[in-house]
PDB file of N, CA and C in Angstrom:
ATOM      1  N   MET A   1       0.858  -1.171   0.000  1.00  0.00           N
ATOM      2  CA  MET A   1       0.000   0.000   0.000  1.00  0.00           C
ATOM      3  C   MET A   1       0.902   1.230   0.000  1.00  0.00           C
ATOM      4  N   ILE A   2       0.568   2.183  -0.876  1.00  0.00           N
ATOM      5  CA  ILE A   2       1.346   3.418  -0.957  1.00  0.00           C
ATOM      6  C   ILE A   2       0.413   4.621  -1.020  1.00  0.00           C
ATOM      7  N   SER A   3       0.918   5.734  -0.551  1.00  0.00           N
ATOM      8  CA  SER A   3       0.176   6.990  -0.599  1.00  0.00           C
ATOM      9  C   SER A   3       0.623   7.752  -1.837  1.00  0.00           C
ATOM     10  N   LEU A   4      -0.338   8.166  -2.659  1.00  0.00           N
ATOM     11  CA  LEU A   4      -0.036   8.912  -3.873  1.00  0.00           C
ATOM     12  C   LEU A   4      -0.811  10.216  -3.903  1.00  0.00           C
ATOM     13  N   ARG A   5      -0.185  11.224  -4.492  1.00  0.00           N
ATOM     14  CA  ARG A   5      -0.890  12.476  -4.758  1.00  0.00           C
ATOM     15  C   ARG A   5      -1.857  12.233  -5.906  1.00  0.00           C
ATOM     16  N   LEU A   6      -2.900  13.042  -5.981  1.00  0.00           N
ATOM     17  CA  LEU A   6      -3.873  12.858  -7.043  1.00  0.00           C
ATOM     18  C   LEU A   6      -3.239  12.978  -8.423  1.00  0.00           C
ATOM     19  N   SER A   7      -2.245  13.827  -8.559  1.00  0.00           N
ATOM     20  CA  SER A   7      -1.585  13.995  -9.854  1.00  0.00           C
ATOM     21  C   SER A   7      -0.856  12.725 -10.293  1.00  0.00           C
ATOM     22  N   GLU A   8      -0.593  11.810  -9.358  1.00  0.00           N
ATOM     23  CA  GLU A   8       0.103  10.564  -9.675  1.00  0.00           C
ATOM     24  C   GLU A   8      -0.855   9.406  -9.941  1.00  0.00           C
ATOM     25  N   LEU A   9      -2.142   9.609  -9.709  1.00  0.00           N
ATOM     26  CA  LEU A   9      -3.112   8.531  -9.877  1.00  0.00           C
ATOM     27  C   LEU A   9      -3.390   8.264 -11.346  1.00  0.00           C
ATOM     28  N   LYS A  10      -3.708   6.988 -11.607  1.00  0.00           N
ATOM     29  CA  LYS A  10      -4.082   6.579 -12.955  1.00  0.00           C
ATOM     30  C   LYS A  10      -5.329   5.715 -12.860  1.00  0.00           C
ATOM     31  N   ALA A  11      -6.163   5.797 -13.878  1.00  0.00           N
ATOM     32  CA  ALA A  11      -7.351   4.951 -13.923  1.00  0.00           C
ATOM     33  C   ALA A  11      -6.910   3.492 -13.842  1.00  0.00           C
ATOM     34  N   GLY A  12      -7.662   2.705 -13.080  1.00  0.00           N
ATOM     35  CA  GLY A  12      -7.346   1.294 -12.918  1.00  0.00           C
ATOM     36  C   GLY A  12      -6.665   0.974 -11.598  1.00  0.00           C
ATOM     37  N   MET A  13      -6.118   1.988 -10.917  1.00  0.00           N
ATOM     38  CA  MET A  13      -5.510   1.752  -9.604  1.00  0.00           C
ATOM     39  C   MET A  13      -6.609   1.426  -8.605  1.00  0.00           C
ATOM     40  N   MET A  14      -6.245   0.652  -7.576  1.00  0.00           N
ATOM     41  CA  MET A  14      -7.206   0.203  -6.576  1.00  0.00           C
ATOM     42  C   MET A  14      -6.956   0.919  -5.252  1.00  0.00           C
ATOM     43  N   LEU A  15      -8.023   1.492  -4.668  1.00  0.00           N
ATOM     44  CA  LEU A  15      -7.888   2.163  -3.371  1.00  0.00           C
ATOM     45  C   LEU A  15      -7.608   1.145  -2.274  1.00  0.00           C
ATOM     46  N   ALA A  16      -6.613   1.445  -1.440  1.00  0.00           N
ATOM     47  CA  ALA A  16      -6.261   0.574  -0.320  1.00  0.00           C
ATOM     48  C   ALA A  16      -6.979   0.995   0.957  1.00  0.00           C
ATOM     49  N   LYS A  17      -7.430   2.244   1.010  1.00  0.00           N
ATOM     50  CA  LYS A  17      -8.157   2.769   2.169  1.00  0.00           C
ATOM     51  C   LYS A  17      -9.326   3.603   1.663  1.00  0.00           C
ATOM     52  N   PRO A  18     -10.396   3.698   2.454  1.00  0.00           N
ATOM     53  CA  PRO A  18     -11.507   4.565   2.049  1.00  0.00           C
ATOM     54  C   PRO A  18     -11.072   6.027   2.027  1.00  0.00           C
ATOM     55  N   VAL A  19     -11.751   6.815   1.205  1.00  0.00           N
ATOM     56  CA  VAL A  19     -11.431   8.239   1.080  1.00  0.00           C
ATOM     57  C   VAL A  19     -12.628   9.039   1.576  1.00  0.00           C
ATOM     58  N   PHE A  20     -12.365   9.979   2.497  1.00  0.00           N
ATOM     59  CA  PHE A  20     -13.402  10.813   3.083  1.00  0.00           C
ATOM     60  C   PHE A  20     -13.135  12.272   2.745  1.00  0.00           C
ATOM     61  N   ASN A  21     -14.204  13.081   2.711  1.00  0.00           N
ATOM     62  CA  ASN A  21     -13.998  14.524   2.553  1.00  0.00           C
ATOM     63  C   ASN A  21     -13.727  15.128   3.930  1.00  0.00           C
ATOM     64  N   LEU A  22     -13.556  16.440   3.982  1.00  0.00           N
ATOM     65  CA  LEU A  22     -13.221  17.103   5.247  1.00  0.00           C
ATOM     66  C   LEU A  22     -14.322  16.988   6.294  1.00  0.00           C
ATOM     67  N   GLN A  23     -15.552  16.751   5.855  1.00  0.00           N
ATOM     68  CA  GLN A  23     -16.669  16.610   6.789  1.00  0.00           C
ATOM     69  C   GLN A  23     -16.848  15.164   7.248  1.00  0.00           C
ATOM     70  N   GLY A  24     -15.978  14.262   6.763  1.00  0.00           N
ATOM     71  CA  GLY A  24     -16.057  12.867   7.166  1.00  0.00           C
ATOM     72  C   GLY A  24     -17.001  12.023   6.341  1.00  0.00           C
ATOM     73  N   VAL A  25     -17.491  12.559   5.231  1.00  0.00           N
ATOM     74  CA  VAL A  25     -18.396  11.816   4.358  1.00  0.00           C
ATOM     75  C   VAL A  25     -17.566  10.915   3.439  1.00  0.00           C
ATOM     76  N   LEU A  26     -17.960   9.656   3.348  1.00  0.00           N
ATOM     77  CA  LEU A  26     -17.256   8.702   2.497  1.00  0.00           C
ATOM     78  C   LEU A  26     -17.433   9.083   1.034  1.00  0.00           C
ATOM     79  N   LEU A  27     -16.310   9.267   0.332  1.00  0.00           N
ATOM     80  CA  LEU A  27     -16.352   9.574  -1.099  1.00  0.00           C
ATOM     81  C   LEU A  27     -16.183   8.308  -1.926  1.00  0.00           C
ATOM     82  N   LEU A  28     -15.165   7.523  -1.603  1.00  0.00           N
ATOM     83  CA  LEU A  28     -14.912   6.253  -2.289  1.00  0.00           C
ATOM     84  C   LEU A  28     -14.448   5.235  -1.257  1.00  0.00           C
ATOM     85  N   ASP A  29     -14.929   4.015  -1.390  1.00  0.00           N
ATOM     86  CA  ASP A  29     -14.610   2.984  -0.409  1.00  0.00           C
ATOM     87  C   ASP A  29     -13.337   2.231  -0.779  1.00  0.00           C
ATOM     88  N   GLU A  30     -12.765   1.605   0.218  1.00  0.00           N
ATOM     89  CA  GLU A  30     -11.599   0.744   0.022  1.00  0.00           C
ATOM     90  C   GLU A  30     -11.938  -0.311  -1.032  1.00  0.00           C
ATOM     91  N   GLY A  31     -10.993  -0.601  -1.919  1.00  0.00           N
ATOM     92  CA  GLY A  31     -11.220  -1.607  -2.955  1.00  0.00           C
ATOM     93  C   GLY A  31     -11.802  -1.053  -4.240  1.00  0.00           C
ATOM     94  N   THR A  32     -12.128   0.237  -4.260  1.00  0.00           N
ATOM     95  CA  THR A  32     -12.673   0.853  -5.469  1.00  0.00           C
ATOM     96  C   THR A  32     -11.588   0.959  -6.529  1.00  0.00           C
ATOM     97  N   GLU A  33     -11.903   0.516  -7.754  1.00  0.00           N
ATOM     98  CA  GLU A  33     -10.987   0.698  -8.874  1.00  0.00           C
ATOM     99  C   GLU A  33     -11.205   2.103  -9.412  1.00  0.00           C
ATOM    100  N   LEU A  34     -10.141   2.886  -9.451  1.00  0.00           N
ATOM    101  CA  LEU A  34     -10.259   4.288  -9.846  1.00  0.00           C
ATOM    102  C   LEU A  34     -10.506   4.445 -11.337  1.00  0.00           C
ATOM    103  N   SER A  35     -11.392   5.369 -11.649  1.00  0.00           N
ATOM    104  CA  SER A  35     -11.634   5.778 -13.034  1.00  0.00           C
ATOM    105  C   SER A  35     -11.225   7.244 -13.146  1.00  0.00           C
ATOM    106  N   GLU A  36     -11.158   7.749 -14.367  1.00  0.00           N
ATOM    107  CA  GLU A  36     -10.850   9.169 -14.553  1.00  0.00           C
ATOM    108  C   GLU A  36     -11.891  10.029 -13.831  1.00  0.00           C
ATOM    109  N   LYS A  37     -13.156   9.590 -13.868  1.00  0.00           N
ATOM    110  CA  LYS A  37     -14.224  10.334 -13.196  1.00  0.00           C
ATOM    111  C   LYS A  37     -14.005  10.348 -11.682  1.00  0.00           C
ATOM    112  N   ASN A  38     -13.620   9.193 -11.103  1.00  0.00           N
ATOM    113  CA  ASN A  38     -13.336   9.141  -9.661  1.00  0.00           C
ATOM    114  C   ASN A  38     -12.240  10.123  -9.287  1.00  0.00           C
ATOM    115  N   ILE A  39     -11.176  10.161 -10.084  1.00  0.00           N
ATOM    116  CA  ILE A  39     -10.046  11.053  -9.810  1.00  0.00           C
ATOM    117  C   ILE A  39     -10.504  12.503  -9.885  1.00  0.00           C
ATOM    118  N   TRP A  40     -11.324  12.820 -10.867  1.00  0.00           N
ATOM    119  CA  TRP A  40     -11.856  14.178 -11.019  1.00  0.00           C
ATOM    120  C   TRP A  40     -12.709  14.552  -9.804  1.00  0.00           C
ATOM    121  N   ILE A  41     -13.542  13.613  -9.347  1.00  0.00           N
ATOM    122  CA  ILE A  41     -14.395  13.860  -8.178  1.00  0.00           C
ATOM    123  C   ILE A  41     -13.537  14.128  -6.939  1.00  0.00           C
ATOM    124  N   LEU A  42     -12.491  13.337  -6.748  1.00  0.00           N
ATOM    125  CA  LEU A  42     -11.604  13.537  -5.599  1.00  0.00           C
ATOM    126  C   LEU A  42     -10.968  14.920  -5.644  1.00  0.00           C
ATOM    127  N   LYS A  43     -10.525  15.334  -6.831  1.00  0.00           N
ATOM    128  CA  LYS A  43      -9.941  16.673  -6.981  1.00  0.00           C
ATOM    129  C   LYS A  43     -10.969  17.743  -6.623  1.00  0.00           C
ATOM    130  N   SER A  44     -12.204  17.567  -7.102  1.00  0.00           N
ATOM    131  CA  SER A  44     -13.234  18.580  -6.857  1.00  0.00           C
ATOM    132  C   SER A  44     -13.585  18.681  -5.370  1.00  0.00           C
ATOM    133  N   TRP A  45     -13.368  17.608  -4.607  1.00  0.00           N
ATOM    134  CA  TRP A  45     -13.628  17.625  -3.169  1.00  0.00           C
ATOM    135  C   TRP A  45     -12.417  18.073  -2.369  1.00  0.00           C
ATOM    136  N   GLY A  46     -11.327  18.404  -3.046  1.00  0.00           N
ATOM    137  CA  GLY A  46     -10.149  18.909  -2.355  1.00  0.00           C
ATOM    138  C   GLY A  46      -9.247  17.844  -1.762  1.00  0.00           C
ATOM    139  N   VAL A  47      -9.458  16.590  -2.146  1.00  0.00           N
ATOM    140  CA  VAL A  47      -8.592  15.514  -1.672  1.00  0.00           C
ATOM    141  C   VAL A  47      -7.233  15.678  -2.345  1.00  0.00           C
ATOM    142  N   THR A  48      -6.160  15.530  -1.590  1.00  0.00           N
ATOM    143  CA  THR A  48      -4.824  15.716  -2.165  1.00  0.00           C
ATOM    144  C   THR A  48      -4.034  14.421  -2.278  1.00  0.00           C
ATOM    145  N   GLN A  49      -4.322  13.441  -1.420  1.00  0.00           N
ATOM    146  CA  GLN A  49      -3.596  12.176  -1.437  1.00  0.00           C
ATOM    147  C   GLN A  49      -4.543  11.045  -1.098  1.00  0.00           C
ATOM    148  N   VAL A  50      -4.261   9.863  -1.657  1.00  0.00           N
ATOM    149  CA  VAL A  50      -5.028   8.664  -1.329  1.00  0.00           C
ATOM    150  C   VAL A  50      -4.070   7.485  -1.214  1.00  0.00           C
ATOM    151  N   TRP A  51      -4.537   6.439  -0.559  1.00  0.00           N
ATOM    152  CA  TRP A  51      -3.766   5.207  -0.425  1.00  0.00           C
ATOM    153  C   TRP A  51      -4.240   4.228  -1.484  1.00  0.00           C
ATOM    154  N   VAL A  52      -3.296   3.679  -2.246  1.00  0.00           N
ATOM    155  CA  VAL A  52      -3.625   2.696  -3.278  1.00  0.00           C
ATOM    156  C   VAL A  52      -2.835   1.419  -3.035  1.00  0.00           C
ATOM    157  N   GLU A  53      -3.325   0.316  -3.616  1.00  0.00           N
ATOM    158  CA  GLU A  53      -2.642  -0.970  -3.501  1.00  0.00           C
ATOM    159  C   GLU A  53      -1.360  -0.935  -4.311  1.00  0.00           C
ATOM    160  N   GLY A  54      -0.343  -1.632  -3.828  1.00  0.00           N
ATOM    161  CA  GLY A  54       0.896  -1.763  -4.580  1.00  0.00           C
ATOM    162  C   GLY A  54       2.079  -1.200  -3.834  1.00  0.00           C
ATOM    163  N   LYS A  55       3.229  -1.373  -4.455  1.00  0.00           N
ATOM    164  CA  LYS A  55       4.485  -0.860  -3.907  1.00  0.00           C
ATOM    165  C   LYS A  55       5.178  -0.078  -4.997  1.00  0.00           C
ATOM    166  N   CYS A  56       6.086   0.785  -4.590  1.00  0.00           N
ATOM    167  CA  CYS A  56       6.755   1.644  -5.554  1.00  0.00           C
ATOM    168  C   CYS A  56       8.173   1.932  -5.080  1.00  0.00           C
ATOM    169  N   GLU A  57       9.121   1.930  -6.005  1.00  0.00           N
ATOM    170  CA  GLU A  57      10.508   2.244  -5.658  1.00  0.00           C
ATOM    171  C   GLU A  57      10.647   3.680  -5.174  1.00  0.00           C
ATOM    172  N   ALA A  58       9.758   4.538  -5.628  1.00  0.00           N
ATOM    173  CA  ALA A  58       9.866   5.963  -5.307  1.00  0.00           C
ATOM    174  C   ALA A  58       9.224   6.316  -3.968  1.00  0.00           C
ATOM    175  N   ASP A  59       8.867   5.316  -3.156  1.00  0.00           N
ATOM    176  CA  ASP A  59       8.241   5.602  -1.858  1.00  0.00           C
ATOM    177  C   ASP A  59       9.081   6.546  -1.009  1.00  0.00           C
ATOM    178  N   LYS A  60      10.387   6.321  -0.973  1.00  0.00           N
ATOM    179  CA  LYS A  60      11.251   7.165  -0.146  1.00  0.00           C
ATOM    180  C   LYS A  60      11.235   8.599  -0.635  1.00  0.00           C
ATOM    181  N   ASN A  61      11.201   8.794  -1.960  1.00  0.00           N
ATOM    182  CA  ASN A  61      11.123  10.155  -2.502  1.00  0.00           C
ATOM    183  C   ASN A  61       9.822  10.817  -2.096  1.00  0.00           C
ATOM    184  N   ARG A  62       8.731  10.049  -2.105  1.00  0.00           N
ATOM    185  CA  ARG A  62       7.437  10.598  -1.719  1.00  0.00           C
ATOM    186  C   ARG A  62       7.432  10.980  -0.243  1.00  0.00           C
ATOM    187  N   VAL A  63       8.107  10.170   0.594  1.00  0.00           N
ATOM    188  CA  VAL A  63       8.184  10.495   2.023  1.00  0.00           C
ATOM    189  C   VAL A  63       8.905  11.821   2.204  1.00  0.00           C
ATOM    190  N   VAL A  64       9.998  12.017   1.472  1.00  0.00           N
ATOM    191  CA  VAL A  64      10.735  13.276   1.557  1.00  0.00           C
ATOM    192  C   VAL A  64       9.851  14.427   1.099  1.00  0.00           C
ATOM    193  N   GLU A  65       9.113  14.222  -0.023  1.00  0.00           N
ATOM    194  CA  GLU A  65       8.204  15.264  -0.506  1.00  0.00           C
ATOM    195  C   GLU A  65       7.113  15.533   0.517  1.00  0.00           C
ATOM    196  N   LEU A  66       6.578  14.463   1.108  1.00  0.00           N
ATOM    197  CA  LEU A  66       5.535  14.611   2.119  1.00  0.00           C
ATOM    198  C   LEU A  66       6.074  15.391   3.309  1.00  0.00           C
ATOM    199  N   GLU A  67       7.286  15.042   3.744  1.00  0.00           N
ATOM    200  CA  GLU A  67       7.881  15.762   4.860  1.00  0.00           C
ATOM    201  C   GLU A  67       8.017  17.241   4.532  1.00  0.00           C
ATOM    202  N   SER A  68       8.427  17.536   3.305  1.00  0.00           N
ATOM    203  CA  SER A  68       8.582  18.929   2.881  1.00  0.00           C
ATOM    204  C   SER A  68       7.232  19.637   2.870  1.00  0.00           C
ATOM    205  N   ASP A  69       6.211  18.965   2.306  1.00  0.00           N
ATOM    206  CA  ASP A  69       4.868  19.548   2.266  1.00  0.00           C
ATOM    207  C   ASP A  69       4.326  19.780   3.671  1.00  0.00           C
ATOM    208  N   VAL A  70       4.520  18.791   4.540  1.00  0.00           N
ATOM    209  CA  VAL A  70       4.047  18.894   5.924  1.00  0.00           C
ATOM    210  C   VAL A  70       4.748  20.049   6.621  1.00  0.00           C
ATOM    211  N   LYS A  71       6.062  20.133   6.441  1.00  0.00           N
ATOM    212  CA  LYS A  71       6.840  21.200   7.074  1.00  0.00           C
ATOM    213  C   LYS A  71       6.344  22.569   6.617  1.00  0.00           C
ATOM    214  N   GLU A  72       6.138  22.728   5.309  1.00  0.00           N
ATOM    215  CA  GLU A  72       5.655  24.008   4.782  1.00  0.00           C
ATOM    216  C   GLU A  72       4.289  24.361   5.358  1.00  0.00           C
ATOM    217  N   PHE A  73       3.386  23.375   5.390  1.00  0.00           N
ATOM    218  CA  PHE A  73       2.039  23.614   5.897  1.00  0.00           C
ATOM    219  C   PHE A  73       2.078  24.010   7.374  1.00  0.00           C
ATOM    220  N   ILE A  74       2.824  23.254   8.172  1.00  0.00           N
ATOM    221  CA  ILE A  74       2.898  23.528   9.607  1.00  0.00           C
ATOM    222  C   ILE A  74       3.506  24.897   9.861  1.00  0.00           C
ATOM    223  N   GLU A  75       4.596  25.207   9.163  1.00  0.00           N
ATOM    224  CA  GLU A  75       5.239  26.506   9.364  1.00  0.00           C
ATOM    225  C   GLU A  75       4.316  27.654   8.976  1.00  0.00           C
ATOM    226  N   LYS A  76       3.562  27.485   7.901  1.00  0.00           N
ATOM    227  CA  LYS A  76       2.614  28.526   7.482  1.00  0.00           C
ATOM    228  C   LYS A  76       1.550  28.738   8.556  1.00  0.00           C
ATOM    229  N   GLU A  77       0.986  27.634   9.043  1.00  0.00           N
ATOM    230  CA  GLU A  77      -0.052  27.729  10.069  1.00  0.00           C
ATOM    231  C   GLU A  77       0.486  28.367  11.352  1.00  0.00           C
ATOM    232  N   LEU A  78       1.671  27.954  11.767  1.00  0.00           N
ATOM    233  CA  LEU A  78       2.243  28.508  12.995  1.00  0.00           C
ATOM    234  C   LEU A  78       2.584  29.985  12.843  1.00  0.00           C
ATOM    235  N   LYS A  79       3.070  30.384  11.675  1.00  0.00           N
ATOM    236  CA  LYS A  79       3.380  31.801  11.459  1.00  0.00           C
ATOM    237  C   LYS A  79       2.122  32.654  11.579  1.00  0.00           C
ATOM    238  N   GLU A  80       0.987  32.099  11.111  1.00  0.00           N
ATOM    239  CA  GLU A  80      -0.277  32.822  11.263  1.00  0.00           C
ATOM    240  C   GLU A  80      -0.643  32.953  12.741  1.00  0.00           C
ATOM    241  N   LYS A  81      -0.436  31.884  13.499  1.00  0.00           N
ATOM    242  CA  LYS A  81      -0.783  31.901  14.928  1.00  0.00           C
ATOM    243  C   LYS A  81       0.158  32.796  15.736  1.00  0.00           C
ATOM    244  N   PHE A  82       1.433  32.823  15.346  1.00  0.00           N
ATOM    245  CA  PHE A  82       2.448  33.561  16.093  1.00  0.00           C
ATOM    246  C   PHE A  82       2.760  34.916  15.458  1.00  0.00           C
ATOM    247  N   CYS A  83       1.964  35.366  14.502  1.00  0.00           N
ATOM    248  CA  CYS A  83       2.294  36.555  13.706  1.00  0.00           C
ATOM    249  C   CYS A  83       2.570  37.806  14.550  1.00  0.00           C
ATOM    250  N   GLU A  84       1.910  37.946  15.657  1.00  0.00           N
ATOM    251  CA  GLU A  84       2.075  39.163  16.458  1.00  0.00           C
ATOM    252  C   GLU A  84       3.261  39.107  17.418  1.00  0.00           C
ATOM    253  N   VAL A  85       3.870  37.927  17.558  1.00  0.00           N
ATOM    254  CA  VAL A  85       4.975  37.799  18.515  1.00  0.00           C
ATOM    255  C   VAL A  85       6.242  37.227  17.882  1.00  0.00           C
ATOM    256  N   LEU A  86       6.319  37.216  16.562  1.00  0.00           N
ATOM    257  CA  LEU A  86       7.477  36.633  15.880  1.00  0.00           C
ATOM    258  C   LEU A  86       8.781  37.361  16.179  1.00  0.00           C
ATOM    259  N   GLU A  87       8.704  38.632  16.504  1.00  0.00           N
ATOM    260  CA  GLU A  87       9.919  39.407  16.793  1.00  0.00           C
ATOM    261  C   GLU A  87      10.559  38.986  18.113  1.00  0.00           C
ATOM    262  N   ASP A  88       9.783  38.423  19.006  1.00  0.00           N
ATOM    263  CA  ASP A  88      10.279  37.974  20.305  1.00  0.00           C
ATOM    264  C   ASP A  88      11.069  36.675  20.109  1.00  0.00           C
ATOM    265  N   GLN A  89      12.335  36.663  20.529  1.00  0.00           N
ATOM    266  CA  GLN A  89      13.193  35.492  20.337  1.00  0.00           C
ATOM    267  C   GLN A  89      12.652  34.251  21.037  1.00  0.00           C
ATOM    268  N   VAL A  90      12.142  34.419  22.223  1.00  0.00           N
ATOM    269  CA  VAL A  90      11.610  33.282  22.978  1.00  0.00           C
ATOM    270  C   VAL A  90      10.406  32.690  22.251  1.00  0.00           C
ATOM    271  N   MET A  91       9.501  33.537  21.793  1.00  0.00           N
ATOM    272  CA  MET A  91       8.322  33.048  21.083  1.00  0.00           C
ATOM    273  C   MET A  91       8.720  32.392  19.755  1.00  0.00           C
ATOM    274  N   GLY A  92       9.745  32.940  19.106  1.00  0.00           N
ATOM    275  CA  GLY A  92      10.247  32.332  17.874  1.00  0.00           C
ATOM    276  C   GLY A  92      10.777  30.931  18.121  1.00  0.00           C
ATOM    277  N   GLU A  93      11.473  30.766  19.230  1.00  0.00           N
ATOM    278  CA  GLU A  93      12.003  29.447  19.583  1.00  0.00           C
ATOM    279  C   GLU A  93      10.866  28.485  19.933  1.00  0.00           C
ATOM    280  N   ILE A  94       9.847  28.985  20.627  1.00  0.00           N
ATOM    281  CA  ILE A  94       8.675  28.154  20.938  1.00  0.00           C
ATOM    282  C   ILE A  94       8.001  27.713  19.643  1.00  0.00           C
ATOM    283  N   MET A  95       7.890  28.623  18.675  1.00  0.00           N
ATOM    284  CA  MET A  95       7.281  28.285  17.390  1.00  0.00           C
ATOM    285  C   MET A  95       8.098  27.203  16.678  1.00  0.00           C
ATOM    286  N   ARG A  96       9.424  27.314  16.676  1.00  0.00           N
ATOM    287  CA  ARG A  96      10.275  26.307  16.024  1.00  0.00           C
ATOM    288  C   ARG A  96      10.124  24.946  16.708  1.00  0.00           C
ATOM    289  N   ALA A  97      10.081  24.947  18.034  1.00  0.00           N
ATOM    290  CA  ALA A  97       9.911  23.695  18.776  1.00  0.00           C
ATOM    291  C   ALA A  97       8.547  23.075  18.475  1.00  0.00           C
ATOM    292  N   ALA A  98       7.520  23.903  18.426  1.00  0.00           N
ATOM    293  CA  ALA A  98       6.173  23.413  18.104  1.00  0.00           C
ATOM    294  C   ALA A  98       6.146  22.832  16.695  1.00  0.00           C
ATOM    295  N   SER A  99       6.819  23.480  15.769  1.00  0.00           N
ATOM    296  CA  SER A  99       6.872  23.002  14.388  1.00  0.00           C
ATOM    297  C   SER A  99       7.506  21.616  14.322  1.00  0.00           C
ATOM    298  N   LYS A 100       8.634  21.438  14.982  1.00  0.00           N
ATOM    299  CA  LYS A 100       9.310  20.135  14.986  1.00  0.00           C
ATOM    300  C   LYS A 100       8.427  19.059  15.612  1.00  0.00           C
ATOM    301  N   LEU A 101       7.787  19.395  16.723  1.00  0.00           N
ATOM    302  CA  LEU A 101       6.925  18.438  17.410  1.00  0.00           C
ATOM    303  C   LEU A 101       5.746  18.030  16.528  1.00  0.00           C
ATOM    304  N   LEU A 102       5.100  18.994  15.893  1.00  0.00           N
ATOM    305  CA  LEU A 102       3.960  18.694  15.030  1.00  0.00           C
ATOM    306  C   LEU A 102       4.376  17.856  13.823  1.00  0.00           C
ATOM    307  N   GLN A 103       5.537  18.143  13.253  1.00  0.00           N
ATOM    308  CA  GLN A 103       6.032  17.350  12.124  1.00  0.00           C
ATOM    309  C   GLN A 103       6.268  15.903  12.544  1.00  0.00           C
ATOM    310  N   LYS A 104       6.900  15.712  13.703  1.00  0.00           N
ATOM    311  CA  LYS A 104       7.158  14.357  14.198  1.00  0.00           C
ATOM    312  C   LYS A 104       5.851  13.609  14.433  1.00  0.00           C
ATOM    313  N   ARG A 105       4.881  14.290  15.041  1.00  0.00           N
ATOM    314  CA  ARG A 105       3.585  13.651  15.296  1.00  0.00           C
ATOM    315  C   ARG A 105       2.908  13.238  13.996  1.00  0.00           C
ATOM    316  N   PHE A 106       2.932  14.131  13.009  1.00  0.00           N
ATOM    317  CA  PHE A 106       2.283  13.832  11.737  1.00  0.00           C
ATOM    318  C   PHE A 106       2.948  12.638  11.064  1.00  0.00           C
ATOM    319  N   LEU A 107       4.275  12.642  10.998  1.00  0.00           N
ATOM    320  CA  LEU A 107       4.987  11.551  10.332  1.00  0.00           C
ATOM    321  C   LEU A 107       4.820  10.235  11.079  1.00  0.00           C
ATOM    322  N   LYS A 108       4.769  10.287  12.412  1.00  0.00           N
ATOM    323  CA  LYS A 108       4.537   9.074  13.196  1.00  0.00           C
ATOM    324  C   LYS A 108       3.152   8.513  12.884  1.00  0.00           C
ATOM    325  N   LYS A 109       2.166   9.395  12.786  1.00  0.00           N
ATOM    326  CA  LYS A 109       0.804   8.964  12.465  1.00  0.00           C
ATOM    327  C   LYS A 109       0.757   8.356  11.067  1.00  0.00           C
ATOM    328  N   GLU A 110       1.462   8.954  10.107  1.00  0.00           N
ATOM    329  CA  GLU A 110       1.523   8.413   8.745  1.00  0.00           C
ATOM    330  C   GLU A 110       2.135   7.017   8.751  1.00  0.00           C
ATOM    331  N   GLN A 111       3.204   6.817   9.521  1.00  0.00           N
ATOM    332  CA  GLN A 111       3.852   5.512   9.589  1.00  0.00           C
ATOM    333  C   GLN A 111       2.922   4.479  10.210  1.00  0.00           C
ATOM    334  N   GLN A 112       2.165   4.878  11.222  1.00  0.00           N
ATOM    335  CA  GLN A 112       1.211   3.963  11.845  1.00  0.00           C
ATOM    336  C   GLN A 112       0.122   3.587  10.854  1.00  0.00           C
ATOM    337  N   ASN A 113      -0.337   4.548  10.057  1.00  0.00           N
ATOM    338  CA  ASN A 113      -1.361   4.274   9.054  1.00  0.00           C
ATOM    339  C   ASN A 113      -0.838   3.319   7.989  1.00  0.00           C
ATOM    340  N   GLU A 114       0.439   3.455   7.621  1.00  0.00           N
ATOM    341  CA  GLU A 114       1.033   2.576   6.618  1.00  0.00           C
ATOM    342  C   GLU A 114       1.094   1.143   7.112  1.00  0.00           C
ATOM    343  N   SER A 115       1.340   0.950   8.405  1.00  0.00           N
ATOM    344  CA  SER A 115       1.493  -0.399   8.941  1.00  0.00           C
ATOM    345  C   SER A 115       0.149  -1.099   9.135  1.00  0.00           C
ATOM    346  N   HIS A 116      -0.950  -0.361   9.099  1.00  0.00           N
ATOM    347  CA  HIS A 116      -2.281  -0.980   9.286  1.00  0.00           C
ATOM    348  C   HIS A 116      -2.923  -1.277   7.993  1.00  0.00           C
TER     349      HIS A 116
END
């Protein structure tokens, strides 16, 4: 089972996990064979990644890309939260520590999901 971005999906791939929208509504169930229409629907619902059956040599590259994407997202969110206190060195250090902690938590959760 591998996690792929929607841009990497191809018709005929099989979903390894169910796909939900942000409200928790099931969009496609585990075992669904993807069609071009399914991929289009996932894009229209804002889904960015799905789990599909199979293995890929590029998994490690995707993990690095995922880590980069996660880092960018977390840093953006934290900068919004800390925007009024970024000049303070202590608060800046707290923000960096929070960023590292959140990244570790996210990647740990991803690894747990991969093993299930």
